[in-house]
C-alpha atoms as a PDB file:
ATOM      1  CA  MET A   1     165.956  57.272 -94.622  1.00  0.00           C
ATOM      2  CA  ASN A   2     162.594  59.234 -94.258  1.00  0.00           C
ATOM      3  CA  PRO A   3     162.538  62.269 -95.526  1.00  0.00           C
ATOM      4  CA  VAL A   4     161.939  65.128 -93.591  1.00  0.00           C
ATOM      5  CA  ALA A   5     161.872  69.193 -93.784  1.00  0.00           C
ATOM      6  CA  ILE A   6     164.866  70.371 -91.298  1.00  0.00           C
ATOM      7  CA  ILE A   7     163.512  74.655 -90.095  1.00  0.00           C
ATOM      8  CA  THR A   8     165.832  76.327 -88.738  1.00  0.00           C
ATOM      9  CA  GLY A   9     165.467  79.335 -85.825  1.00  0.00           C
ATOM     10  CA  ALA A  10     161.912  77.287 -85.465  1.00  0.00           C
ATOM     11  CA  SER A  11     161.680  78.643 -82.109  1.00  0.00           C
ATOM     12  CA  ALA A  12     158.897  81.721 -82.646  1.00  0.00           C
ATOM     13  CA  GLY A  13     158.078  84.009 -85.217  1.00  0.00           C
ATOM     14  CA  ILE A  14     158.743  82.946 -88.952  1.00  0.00           C
ATOM     15  CA  GLY A  15     160.033  79.915 -88.513  1.00  0.00           C
ATOM     16  CA  ALA A  16     157.615  79.057 -85.734  1.00  0.00           C
ATOM     17  CA  GLU A  17     155.146  79.493 -88.779  1.00  0.00           C
ATOM     18  CA  LEU A  18     157.563  77.662 -91.230  1.00  0.00           C
ATOM     19  CA  ALA A  19     157.350  74.959 -89.262  1.00  0.00           C
ATOM     20  CA  ARG A  20     153.055  74.631 -88.921  1.00  0.00           C
ATOM     21  CA  VAL A  21     152.487  75.642 -93.051  1.00  0.00           C
ATOM     22  CA  PHE A  22     155.556  72.649 -93.547  1.00  0.00           C
ATOM     23  CA  ALA A  23     153.456  70.027 -91.434  1.00  0.00           C
ATOM     24  CA  ARG A  24     149.969  71.399 -92.364  1.00  0.00           C
ATOM     25  CA  HIS A  25     150.887  69.977 -95.868  1.00  0.00           C
ATOM     26  CA  GLY A  26     152.290  66.956 -94.400  1.00  0.00           C
ATOM     27  CA  HIS A  27     156.080  66.733 -94.227  1.00  0.00           C
ATOM     28  CA  GLU A  28     157.568  65.417 -91.543  1.00  0.00           C
ATOM     29  CA  LEU A  29     159.470  67.819 -89.389  1.00  0.00           C
ATOM     30  CA  VAL A  30     162.850  68.825 -87.887  1.00  0.00           C
ATOM     31  CA  LEU A  31     162.843  71.450 -85.788  1.00  0.00           C
ATOM     32  CA  VAL A  32     166.800  73.163 -85.291  1.00  0.00           C
ATOM     33  CA  ALA A  33     167.259  76.050 -82.373  1.00  0.00           C
ATOM     34  CA  ARG A  34     169.166  76.585 -78.988  1.00  0.00           C
ATOM     35  CA  ARG A  35     165.853  76.924 -77.327  1.00  0.00           C
ATOM     36  CA  THR A  36     164.936  73.292 -77.032  1.00  0.00           C
ATOM     37  CA  GLU A  37     162.021  74.436 -74.822  1.00  0.00           C
ATOM     38  CA  ARG A  38     160.132  76.457 -77.532  1.00  0.00           C
ATOM     39  CA  LEU A  39     160.548  73.727 -79.718  1.00  0.00           C
ATOM     40  CA  ASN A  40     158.743  70.798 -78.010  1.00  0.00           C
ATOM     41  CA  ALA A  41     156.281  73.604 -77.051  1.00  0.00           C
ATOM     42  CA  LEU A  42     156.059  73.708 -80.756  1.00  0.00           C
ATOM     43  CA  ALA A  43     156.587  70.161 -81.977  1.00  0.00           C
ATOM     44  CA  ASP A  44     153.048  69.087 -79.101  1.00  0.00           C
ATOM     45  CA  GLU A  45     151.807  71.577 -80.745  1.00  0.00           C
ATOM     46  CA  ILE A  46     151.596  70.030 -84.246  1.00  0.00           C
ATOM     47  CA  ALA A  47     150.999  66.523 -82.732  1.00  0.00           C
ATOM     48  CA  GLY A  48     148.050  67.949 -80.897  1.00  0.00           C
ATOM     49  CA  PHE A  49     146.775  68.286 -84.658  1.00  0.00           C
ATOM     50  CA  GLY A  50     146.730  64.912 -85.422  1.00  0.00           C
ATOM     51  CA  ARG A  51     150.146  65.198 -87.184  1.00  0.00           C
ATOM     52  CA  SER A  52     153.499  63.388 -86.927  1.00  0.00           C
ATOM     53  CA  ARG A  53     155.178  65.381 -83.730  1.00  0.00           C
ATOM     54  CA  PRO A  54     158.650  67.113 -85.541  1.00  0.00           C
ATOM     55  CA  THR A  55     161.776  65.171 -83.907  1.00  0.00           C
ATOM     56  CA  VAL A  56     163.402  68.769 -81.955  1.00  0.00           C
ATOM     57  CA  LEU A  57     167.355  69.180 -82.212  1.00  0.00           C
ATOM     58  CA  GLY A  58     168.813  71.901 -79.893  1.00  0.00           C
ATOM     59  CA  LEU A  59     171.936  73.564 -81.452  1.00  0.00           C
ATOM     60  CA  ASP A  60     173.718  77.062 -81.394  1.00  0.00           C
ATOM     61  CA  LEU A  61     174.064  76.591 -84.993  1.00  0.00           C
ATOM     62  CA  SER A  62     176.327  79.428 -85.263  1.00  0.00           C
ATOM     63  CA  ALA A  63     178.872  77.722 -83.251  1.00  0.00           C
ATOM     64  CA  PRO A  64     181.291  75.910 -85.183  1.00  0.00           C
ATOM     65  CA  ARG A  65     179.982  72.081 -87.119  1.00  0.00           C
ATOM     66  CA  ALA A  66     176.590  72.589 -87.142  1.00  0.00           C
ATOM     67  CA  ALA A  67     175.844  71.212 -90.669  1.00  0.00           C
ATOM     68  CA  GLU A  68     177.655  67.946 -89.326  1.00  0.00           C
ATOM     69  CA  LYS A  69     175.852  67.693 -86.313  1.00  0.00           C
ATOM     70  CA  ILE A  70     173.084  67.575 -87.526  1.00  0.00           C
ATOM     71  CA  ARG A  71     173.766  65.281 -90.251  1.00  0.00           C
ATOM     72  CA  GLU A  72     174.881  63.092 -87.625  1.00  0.00           C
ATOM     73  CA  ALA A  73     171.250  63.271 -85.945  1.00  0.00           C
ATOM     74  CA  LEU A  74     169.514  62.679 -88.759  1.00  0.00           C
ATOM     75  CA  ALA A  75     171.688  59.904 -89.932  1.00  0.00           C
ATOM     76  CA  ALA A  76     170.874  58.050 -86.001  1.00  0.00           C
ATOM     77  CA  ARG A  77     167.204  58.290 -86.880  1.00  0.00           C
ATOM     78  CA  ALA A  78     166.774  57.668 -90.256  1.00  0.00           C
ATOM     79  CA  LEU A  79     165.954  60.581 -91.921  1.00  0.00           C
ATOM     80  CA  GLU A  80     167.468  62.465 -94.533  1.00  0.00           C
ATOM     81  CA  PRO A  81     166.715  66.136 -95.938  1.00  0.00           C
ATOM     82  CA  GLN A  82     164.207  67.004 -98.808  1.00  0.00           C
ATOM     83  CA  TYR A  83     164.159  70.742 -97.671  1.00  0.00           C
ATOM     84  CA  ILE A  84     166.004  72.784 -95.938  1.00  0.00           C
ATOM     85  CA  VAL A  85     164.814  75.968 -94.910  1.00  0.00           C
ATOM     86  CA  ASN A  86     167.287  78.569 -93.486  1.00  0.00           C
ATOM     87  CA  ASN A  87     165.672  80.496 -91.047  1.00  0.00           C
ATOM     88  CA  ALA A  88     167.472  81.277 -88.508  1.00  0.00           C
ATOM     89  CA  GLY A  89     169.058  84.772 -87.441  1.00  0.00           C
ATOM     90  CA  PHE A  90     169.083  88.069 -86.180  1.00  0.00           C
ATOM     91  CA  GLY A  91     169.881  91.640 -87.027  1.00  0.00           C
ATOM     92  CA  LEU A  92     171.594  94.662 -85.218  1.00  0.00           C
ATOM     93  CA  VAL A  93     170.540  98.270 -84.951  1.00  0.00           C
ATOM     94  CA  GLY A  94     173.040 100.650 -85.132  1.00  0.00           C
ATOM     95  CA  ARG A  95     176.160 102.189 -86.352  1.00  0.00           C
ATOM     96  CA  ALA A  96     178.592  99.337 -87.735  1.00  0.00           C
ATOM     97  CA  ARG A  97     181.452 101.361 -85.665  1.00  0.00           C
ATOM     98  CA  GLU A  98     179.562 101.687 -81.833  1.00  0.00           C
ATOM     99  CA  LEU A  99     178.113  98.535 -81.839  1.00  0.00           C
ATOM    100  CA  ASP A 100     179.696  95.547 -79.943  1.00  0.00           C
ATOM    101  CA  ARG A 101     182.052  93.609 -82.492  1.00  0.00           C
ATOM    102  CA  ALA A 102     182.376  90.477 -81.763  1.00  0.00           C
ATOM    103  CA  GLU A 103     178.145  90.249 -81.720  1.00  0.00           C
ATOM    104  CA  GLN A 104     178.445  91.425 -85.805  1.00  0.00           C
ATOM    105  CA  LEU A 105     180.691  89.249 -86.558  1.00  0.00           C
ATOM    106  CA  ALA A 106     178.008  86.555 -84.845  1.00  0.00           C
ATOM    107  CA  MET A 107     175.739  87.692 -87.215  1.00  0.00           C
ATOM    108  CA  ILE A 108     177.784  86.813 -89.874  1.00  0.00           C
ATOM    109  CA  ASP A 109     178.661  83.598 -88.605  1.00  0.00           C
ATOM    110  CA  LEU A 110     175.069  82.798 -88.364  1.00  0.00           C
ATOM    111  CA  ASN A 111     173.134  84.628 -91.446  1.00  0.00           C
ATOM    112  CA  VAL A 112     175.652  83.888 -94.140  1.00  0.00           C
ATOM    113  CA  ARG A 113     178.026  81.247 -93.239  1.00  0.00           C
ATOM    114  CA  THR A 114     175.398  78.734 -91.432  1.00  0.00           C
ATOM    115  CA  LEU A 115     172.774  79.457 -94.126  1.00  0.00           C
ATOM    116  CA  ALA A 116     175.857  78.450 -96.898  1.00  0.00           C
ATOM    117  CA  GLU A 117     176.819  75.656 -94.827  1.00  0.00           C
ATOM    118  CA  LEU A 118     172.927  73.795 -94.853  1.00  0.00           C
ATOM    119  CA  SER A 119     172.509  74.883 -98.753  1.00  0.00           C
ATOM    120  CA  LEU A 120     175.499  73.282 -99.290  1.00  0.00           C
ATOM    121  CA  ALA A 121     175.868  70.015 -97.517  1.00  0.00           C
ATOM    122  CA  PHE A 122     172.889  67.977 -98.240  1.00  0.00           C
ATOM    123  CA  VAL A 123     172.763  68.304-102.043  1.00  0.00           C
ATOM    124  CA  PRO A 124     172.736  65.167-102.956  1.00  0.00           C
ATOM    125  CA  SER A 125     169.845  64.103-100.329  1.00  0.00           C
ATOM    126  CA  LEU A 126     167.580  66.971-101.824  1.00  0.00           C
ATOM    127  CA  GLU A 127     168.366  65.876-105.883  1.00  0.00           C
ATOM    128  CA  ARG A 128     167.126  61.987-104.304  1.00  0.00           C
ATOM    129  CA  HIS A 129     164.140  63.256-102.758  1.00  0.00           C
ATOM    130  CA  ARG A 130     163.684  66.164-105.334  1.00  0.00           C
ATOM    131  CA  GLY A 131     163.272  68.352-102.732  1.00  0.00           C
ATOM    132  CA  GLY A 132     164.406  72.300-102.143  1.00  0.00           C
ATOM    133  CA  ILE A 133     166.048  75.269-100.494  1.00  0.00           C
ATOM    134  CA  LEU A 134     163.835  77.894 -98.791  1.00  0.00           C
ATOM    135  CA  ASN A 135     166.190  80.754 -97.574  1.00  0.00           C
ATOM    136  CA  VAL A 136     165.066  83.554 -95.415  1.00  0.00           C
ATOM    137  CA  ALA A 137     166.758  87.007 -96.175  1.00  0.00           C
ATOM    138  CA  SER A 138     164.480  90.531 -96.288  1.00  0.00           C
ATOM    139  CA  VAL A 139     163.921  93.257 -98.237  1.00  0.00           C
ATOM    140  CA  ALA A 140     166.993  94.831 -96.659  1.00  0.00           C
ATOM    141  CA  GLY A 141     168.706  92.415 -99.420  1.00  0.00           C
ATOM    142  CA  PHE A 142     167.800  95.022-101.953  1.00  0.00           C
ATOM    143  CA  LEU A 143     168.929  98.086-100.073  1.00  0.00           C
ATOM    144  CA  PRO A 144     172.296  99.819 -98.796  1.00  0.00           C
ATOM    145  CA  GLY A 145     172.205  99.457 -94.652  1.00  0.00           C
ATOM    146  CA  PRO A 146     173.531 102.671 -93.362  1.00  0.00           C
ATOM    147  CA  ASN A 147     172.787 101.947 -88.933  1.00  0.00           C
ATOM    148  CA  SER A 148     172.302  98.307 -89.631  1.00  0.00           C
ATOM    149  CA  ALA A 149     175.169  97.120 -92.223  1.00  0.00           C
ATOM    150  CA  VAL A 150     176.260  94.112 -91.309  1.00  0.00           C
ATOM    151  CA  TYR A 151     172.426  92.916 -91.648  1.00  0.00           C
ATOM    152  CA  TYR A 152     171.361  94.344 -94.849  1.00  0.00           C
ATOM    153  CA  ALA A 153     174.702  93.108 -96.462  1.00  0.00           C
ATOM    154  CA  GLY A 154     174.351  89.902 -94.869  1.00  0.00           C
ATOM    155  CA  LYS A 155     171.012  89.765 -96.332  1.00  0.00           C
ATOM    156  CA  ALA A 156     172.297  90.753-100.169  1.00  0.00           C
ATOM    157  CA  PHE A 157     174.739  87.560 -99.838  1.00  0.00           C
ATOM    158  CA  VAL A 158     171.480  85.658 -98.771  1.00  0.00           C
ATOM    159  CA  LEU A 159     169.732  87.105-102.030  1.00  0.00           C
ATOM    160  CA  SER A 160     172.296  86.694-104.462  1.00  0.00           C
ATOM    161  CA  PHE A 161     173.334  83.082-103.054  1.00  0.00           C
ATOM    162  CA  SER A 162     170.157  81.887-103.830  1.00  0.00           C
ATOM    163  CA  GLU A 163     169.127  82.847-106.658  1.00  0.00           C
ATOM    164  CA  ALA A 164     173.095  81.807-107.951  1.00  0.00           C
ATOM    165  CA  LEU A 165     171.908  78.344-106.430  1.00  0.00           C
ATOM    166  CA  HIS A 166     168.414  78.225-108.312  1.00  0.00           C
ATOM    167  CA  ARG A 167     170.183  78.892-111.487  1.00  0.00           C
ATOM    168  CA  GLU A 168     172.746  75.983-110.348  1.00  0.00           C
ATOM    169  CA  LEU A 169     170.506  73.226-108.653  1.00  0.00           C
ATOM    170  CA  LYS A 170     167.222  73.783-110.988  1.00  0.00           C
ATOM    171  CA  ARG A 171     168.588  71.086-113.935  1.00  0.00           C
ATOM    172  CA  HIS A 172     169.324  68.771-110.781  1.00  0.00           C
ATOM    173  CA  GLY A 173     165.527  69.343-109.840  1.00  0.00           C
ATOM    174  CA  ILE A 174     166.331  70.727-106.306  1.00  0.00           C
ATOM    175  CA  ARG A 175     164.111  74.106-105.718  1.00  0.00           C
ATOM    176  CA  VAL A 176     165.952  77.162-104.482  1.00  0.00           C
ATOM    177  CA  THR A 177     163.624  80.422-103.776  1.00  0.00           C
ATOM    178  CA  CYS A 178     164.668  83.215-101.314  1.00  0.00           C
ATOM    179  CA  LEU A 179     162.306  84.653 -99.092  1.00  0.00           C
ATOM    180  CA  CYS A 180     162.220  88.242 -98.550  1.00  0.00           C
ATOM    181  CA  PRO A 181     159.713  89.721 -96.193  1.00  0.00           C
ATOM    182  CA  GLY A 182     159.631  92.769 -95.280  1.00  0.00           C
ATOM    183  CA  PRO A 183     158.918  93.891 -91.185  1.00  0.00           C
ATOM    184  CA  VAL A 184     157.083  91.598 -88.915  1.00  0.00           C
ATOM    185  CA  ALA A 185     156.308  91.579 -86.015  1.00  0.00           C
ATOM    186  CA  THR A 186     158.319  89.282 -84.334  1.00  0.00           C
ATOM    187  CA  GLU A 187     160.780  88.992 -81.226  1.00  0.00           C
ATOM    188  CA  PHE A 188     163.504  90.002 -83.921  1.00  0.00           C
ATOM    189  CA  GLN A 189     162.848  94.110 -83.067  1.00  0.00           C
ATOM    190  CA  ALA A 190     163.855  93.033 -79.233  1.00  0.00           C
ATOM    191  CA  ARG A 191     167.077  90.811 -80.092  1.00  0.00           C
ATOM    192  CA  ALA A 192     167.840  93.826 -82.513  1.00  0.00           C
ATOM    193  CA  GLY A 193     167.559  96.870 -79.848  1.00  0.00           C
ATOM    194  CA  LEU A 194     164.553  98.247 -80.847  1.00  0.00           C
ATOM    195  CA  ALA A 195     163.247 100.576 -78.452  1.00  0.00           C
ATOM    196  CA  GLY A 196     159.874  99.267 -79.385  1.00  0.00           C
ATOM    197  CA  SER A 197     157.985  95.460 -81.248  1.00  0.00           C
ATOM    198  CA  GLU A 198     155.989  97.461 -82.945  1.00  0.00           C
ATOM    199  CA  VAL A 199     156.345  97.006 -87.190  1.00  0.00           C
ATOM    200  CA  ALA A 200     155.845 101.073 -88.794  1.00  0.00           C
ATOM    201  CA  TRP A 201     155.672 100.240 -92.314  1.00  0.00           C
ATOM    202  CA  PRO A 202     152.367 100.313 -94.360  1.00  0.00           C
ATOM    203  CA  LEU A 203     150.581  96.865 -95.090  1.00  0.00           C
ATOM    204  CA  ALA A 204     152.466  94.834 -92.713  1.00  0.00           C
ATOM    205  CA  VAL A 205     151.988  91.381 -93.330  1.00  0.00           C
ATOM    206  CA  SER A 206     151.991  89.074 -90.246  1.00  0.00           C
ATOM    207  CA  ALA A 207     154.796  86.013 -89.967  1.00  0.00           C
ATOM    208  CA  ALA A 208     151.587  83.601 -90.772  1.00  0.00           C
ATOM    209  CA  LYS A 209     151.028  85.336 -94.055  1.00  0.00           C
ATOM    210  CA  VAL A 210     155.081  85.540 -94.968  1.00  0.00           C
ATOM    211  CA  ALA A 211     155.669  81.897 -94.031  1.00  0.00           C
ATOM    212  CA  GLU A 212     152.371  80.954 -96.085  1.00  0.00           C
ATOM    213  CA  ALA A 213     153.452  82.564 -99.020  1.00  0.00           C
ATOM    214  CA  GLY A 214     157.748  81.684 -98.620  1.00  0.00           C
ATOM    215  CA  TYR A 215     156.076  77.549 -98.874  1.00  0.00           C
ATOM    216  CA  ARG A 216     154.167  78.744-102.246  1.00  0.00           C
ATOM    217  CA  GLY A 217     157.035  80.039-103.779  1.00  0.00           C
ATOM    218  CA  LEU A 218     158.949  76.836-103.206  1.00  0.00           C
ATOM    219  CA  MET A 219     156.532  75.036-104.456  1.00  0.00           C
ATOM    220  CA  ARG A 220     156.608  76.924-107.256  1.00  0.00           C
ATOM    221  CA  GLY A 221     159.850  76.562-107.738  1.00  0.00           C
ATOM    222  CA  GLN A 222     160.442  80.454-107.846  1.00  0.00           C
ATOM    223  CA  ARG A 223     163.247  82.200-107.554  1.00  0.00           C
ATOM    224  CA  VAL A 224     162.432  85.074-105.213  1.00  0.00           C
ATOM    225  CA  VAL A 225     159.338  85.905-103.062  1.00  0.00           C
ATOM    226  CA  VAL A 226     158.718  89.728-101.535  1.00  0.00           C
ATOM    227  CA  PRO A 227     155.140  89.403 -99.594  1.00  0.00           C
ATOM    228  CA  GLY A 228     153.047  92.402 -99.846  1.00  0.00           C
ATOM    229  CA  PHE A 229     152.359  94.723-102.075  1.00  0.00           C
ATOM    230  CA  ALA A 230     154.361  97.654-100.289  1.00  0.00           C
ATOM    231  CA  ASN A 231     157.635  95.530 -99.443  1.00  0.00           C
ATOM    232  CA  ARG A 232     157.219  94.526-103.521  1.00  0.00           C
ATOM    233  CA  VAL A 233     157.215  98.585-104.450  1.00  0.00           C
ATOM    234  CA  VAL A 234     160.443  98.910-101.898  1.00  0.00           C
ATOM    235  CA  THR A 235     161.972  95.999-104.174  1.00  0.00           C
ATOM    236  CA  GLY A 236     160.904  96.334-107.123  1.00  0.00           C
ATOM    237  CA  PHE A 237     161.060 100.116-108.102  1.00  0.00           C
ATOM    238  CA  ALA A 238     162.504 102.101-105.037  1.00  0.00           C
ATOM    239  CA  SER A 239     165.819  99.779-105.276  1.00  0.00           C
ATOM    240  CA  ARG A 240     165.693 100.575-109.229  1.00  0.00           C
ATOM    241  CA  PHE A 241     164.742 103.949-110.051  1.00  0.00           C
ATOM    242  CA  VAL A 242     165.552 106.167-106.364  1.00  0.00           C
ATOM    243  CA  PRO A 243     169.234 107.463-106.433  1.00  0.00           C
ATOM    244  CA  ARG A 244     171.327 105.233-104.435  1.00  0.00           C
ATOM    245  CA  ALA A 245     172.643 108.222-101.879  1.00  0.00           C
ATOM    246  CA  LEU A 246     168.717 108.873-101.581  1.00  0.00           C
ATOM    247  CA  LEU A 247     168.468 105.535-100.248  1.00  0.00           C
ATOM    248  CA  LEU A 248     171.483 105.492 -97.866  1.00  0.00           C
ATOM    249  CA  LYS A 249     169.733 109.051 -96.124  1.00  0.00           C
ATOM    250  CA  LEU A 250     166.041 107.167 -96.405  1.00  0.00           C
ATOM    251  CA  VAL A 251     167.366 103.856 -94.677  1.00  0.00           C
ATOM    252  CA  GLU A 252     169.992 106.001 -92.230  1.00  0.00           C
ATOM    253  CA  ASP A 253     166.643 107.925 -91.180  1.00  0.00           C
ATOM    254  CA  ARG A 254     164.738 105.079 -90.790  1.00  0.00           C
ATOM    255  CA  GLN A 255     166.543 102.789 -88.912  1.00  0.00           C
ATOM    256  CA  ARG A 256     167.780 105.886 -86.843  1.00  0.00           C
ATOM    257  CA  ARG A 257     164.150 106.212 -85.953  1.00  0.00           C
ATOM    258  CA  ARG A 258     163.290 102.553 -84.544  1.00  0.00           C
ATOM    259  CA  LEU A 259     165.652 103.359 -82.460  1.00  0.00           C
ATOM    260  CA  SER A 260     164.071 106.142 -80.291  1.00  0.00           C
END
């Protein structure tokens, strides 16, 4: 069984950049997302640089049995995971009582349930290959999130879950890293219902640099990676020392401005 790195949500943004980074470092890839045309274009790009063409799996990861479907597809190709990169996800901005309830529950399914399922589904394989798990959360995971309540809560789960797995699986030779970027200019903004695509964030970090930081952190066995100085200030200082009531107001005001 040949070891591979599985990257979910690789059709655009940080996921596509993570695929490029892993490919540059010689990993065999399996790219998973719904938009197979995007995945095939990325696979062709990677193969065009003389690297092995990634395997493309067109799957709706929010649907039931996602991990089992991936397992079956890999077994048919004599592949098994060495690395799992859980990047697939989306966000919604607006008041929870006003946003579509089904969409919010679908966000939990993809951002939380599927991530946990894939993190746990292949542990024996990860141990055999002394690999790891890279879970993509957000600086949102450190903060309360009015006007984006379900998204922020989901990222808090990813952060807590990943930190616990980092501790549990380290003794088995498995690295677990939680990547927590700040806002990045990708298709995420349009999917979240934001008015524009610009990221109004000091010292914003590009998707490519976020991916590089995440890869390095995983290979070094870091527990949490927060790319960018401004983001580290938010997660290291503001979330600990700024009163929670003030943080609630600041986040609510910022999310309101993003919608205008």
